């Protein structure tokens, strides 16, 4: 069971939702059934038939691999560069023409790669 997720300086991960102070099974805390789980502050507890026992208090560590972060950073920079070029092309015919030529060259390259792929 994951009690909580802590993220630190992870720009590409958002963790939201959940209610860490909720009881999983809403039975009486005075006379609960054996195996009933509850949150008590920041601890998960289970009723063993005679009393509440604290369960593990470890947090899962969720992170992205360095390669994933590098790819996402590259994609973000690429998107920003392309958005800036498109915005600038609205006021500059030379940039607009260069973007059109770039698009045509990318299409030609894709056709050549597809035709050359023998695997």
Protein backbone atom coordinates (compact mmCIF):
# COMPACT_ATOMS: atom_id res chain seq x y z
CA UNK A 1 0.00 0.00 0.00
CA UNK A 2 1.31 3.46 -0.82
CA UNK A 3 0.67 5.87 2.03
CA UNK A 4 1.83 8.95 0.19
CA UNK A 5 3.97 10.21 -2.66
CA UNK A 6 6.62 12.86 -2.14
CA UNK A 7 8.01 14.72 -5.13
CA UNK A 8 10.94 17.07 -4.93
CA UNK A 9 12.09 19.21 -7.83
CA UNK A 10 10.28 17.01 -10.35
CA UNK A 11 9.10 19.47 -12.96
CA UNK A 12 7.25 16.82 -14.94
CA UNK A 13 5.25 15.12 -12.21
CA UNK A 14 2.14 16.26 -10.44
CA UNK A 15 0.63 14.28 -7.64
CA UNK A 16 -2.78 15.34 -6.42
CA UNK A 17 -5.92 13.99 -4.83
CA UNK A 18 -6.39 11.49 -2.10
CA UNK A 19 -7.40 11.96 1.47
CA UNK A 20 -4.59 10.84 3.78
CA UNK A 21 -6.72 11.34 6.90
CA UNK A 22 -9.61 9.15 5.71
CA UNK A 23 -10.39 5.71 7.08
CA UNK A 24 -10.46 3.03 4.39
CA UNK A 25 -13.22 1.08 6.12
CA UNK A 26 -15.63 3.28 8.04
CA UNK A 27 -16.28 1.15 11.11
CA UNK A 28 -16.44 2.24 14.74
CA UNK A 29 -12.99 3.08 16.10
CA UNK A 30 -14.19 1.83 19.52
CA UNK A 31 -15.26 -1.59 18.23
CA UNK A 32 -13.68 -2.08 14.79
CA UNK A 33 -13.39 -5.37 12.94
CA UNK A 34 -10.10 -7.22 12.74
CA UNK A 35 -8.13 -6.01 9.72
CA UNK A 36 -9.77 -2.57 9.63
CA UNK A 37 -7.37 0.09 8.35
CA UNK A 38 -7.32 3.72 9.41
CA UNK A 39 -5.15 6.79 9.22
CA UNK A 40 -4.15 8.20 12.57
CA UNK A 41 -2.38 11.47 11.88
CA UNK A 42 0.24 10.50 9.32
CA UNK A 43 0.31 6.81 10.27
CA UNK A 44 -1.61 3.89 8.78
CA UNK A 45 -2.91 1.58 11.50
CA UNK A 46 -4.57 -1.82 11.38
CA UNK A 47 -6.80 -3.29 14.07
CA UNK A 48 -5.49 -6.73 15.09
CA UNK A 49 -8.53 -7.74 17.12
CA UNK A 50 -7.35 -6.24 20.39
CA UNK A 51 -5.71 -2.93 19.49
CA UNK A 52 -4.47 -0.64 16.74
CA UNK A 53 -1.03 -1.52 15.36
CA UNK A 54 0.98 0.95 13.31
CA UNK A 55 1.69 -0.28 9.79
CA UNK A 56 4.70 0.71 7.72
CA UNK A 57 5.34 4.42 7.55
CA UNK A 58 7.57 4.50 4.47
CA UNK A 59 6.80 6.64 1.48
CA UNK A 60 7.18 5.46 -2.08
CA UNK A 61 9.78 7.34 -4.09
CA UNK A 62 8.41 8.23 -7.50
CA UNK A 63 10.87 9.75 -9.93
CA UNK A 64 11.75 9.99 -13.58
CA UNK A 65 14.95 8.60 -15.03
CA UNK A 66 17.63 11.12 -16.04
CA UNK A 67 17.07 10.18 -19.69
CA UNK A 68 13.34 10.89 -19.37
CA UNK A 69 14.04 14.28 -17.82
CA UNK A 70 16.54 15.05 -20.59
CA UNK A 71 13.99 14.10 -23.27
CA UNK A 72 11.29 16.22 -21.67
CA UNK A 73 13.64 19.20 -21.34
CA UNK A 74 14.63 18.85 -25.01
CA UNK A 75 10.97 18.66 -26.06
CA UNK A 76 10.14 21.77 -23.99
CA UNK A 77 12.99 23.75 -25.58
CA UNK A 78 11.98 22.52 -29.06
CA UNK A 79 8.36 23.57 -28.49
CA UNK A 80 9.44 27.02 -27.28
CA UNK A 81 11.75 27.50 -30.26
CA UNK A 82 9.07 26.44 -32.74
CA UNK A 83 6.42 28.62 -31.09
CA UNK A 84 8.75 31.63 -31.21
CA UNK A 85 9.56 31.02 -34.89
CA UNK A 86 5.86 30.73 -35.77
CA UNK A 87 5.07 33.92 -33.86
CA UNK A 88 7.95 35.79 -35.56
CA UNK A 89 6.88 34.50 -38.99
CA UNK A 90 3.62 36.44 -38.68
CA UNK A 91 5.56 39.70 -39.03
CA UNK A 92 8.52 38.54 -41.11
CA UNK A 93 8.07 37.06 -44.59
CA UNK A 94 11.66 35.78 -44.67
CA UNK A 95 11.10 33.72 -41.52
CA UNK A 96 7.76 32.50 -42.90
CA UNK A 97 9.51 31.36 -46.12
CA UNK A 98 12.27 29.65 -44.13
CA UNK A 99 9.70 27.77 -42.06
CA UNK A 100 7.93 26.63 -45.22
CA UNK A 101 11.23 25.43 -46.70
CA UNK A 102 12.07 23.65 -43.45
CA UNK A 103 8.69 21.91 -43.44
CA UNK A 104 9.12 20.82 -47.07
CA UNK A 105 12.64 19.54 -46.38
CA UNK A 106 11.42 17.55 -43.36
CA UNK A 107 8.69 15.95 -45.50
CA UNK A 108 11.21 15.06 -48.22
CA UNK A 109 13.58 13.57 -45.64
CA UNK A 110 10.78 11.45 -44.18
CA UNK A 111 9.91 10.10 -47.65
CA UNK A 112 13.57 9.29 -48.35
CA UNK A 113 14.00 7.57 -44.99
CA UNK A 114 10.85 5.53 -45.56
CA UNK A 115 11.93 4.48 -49.05
CA UNK A 116 15.47 3.68 -47.88
CA UNK A 117 14.37 1.58 -44.92
CA UNK A 118 14.96 -2.02 -45.98
CA UNK A 119 14.29 -3.61 -42.59
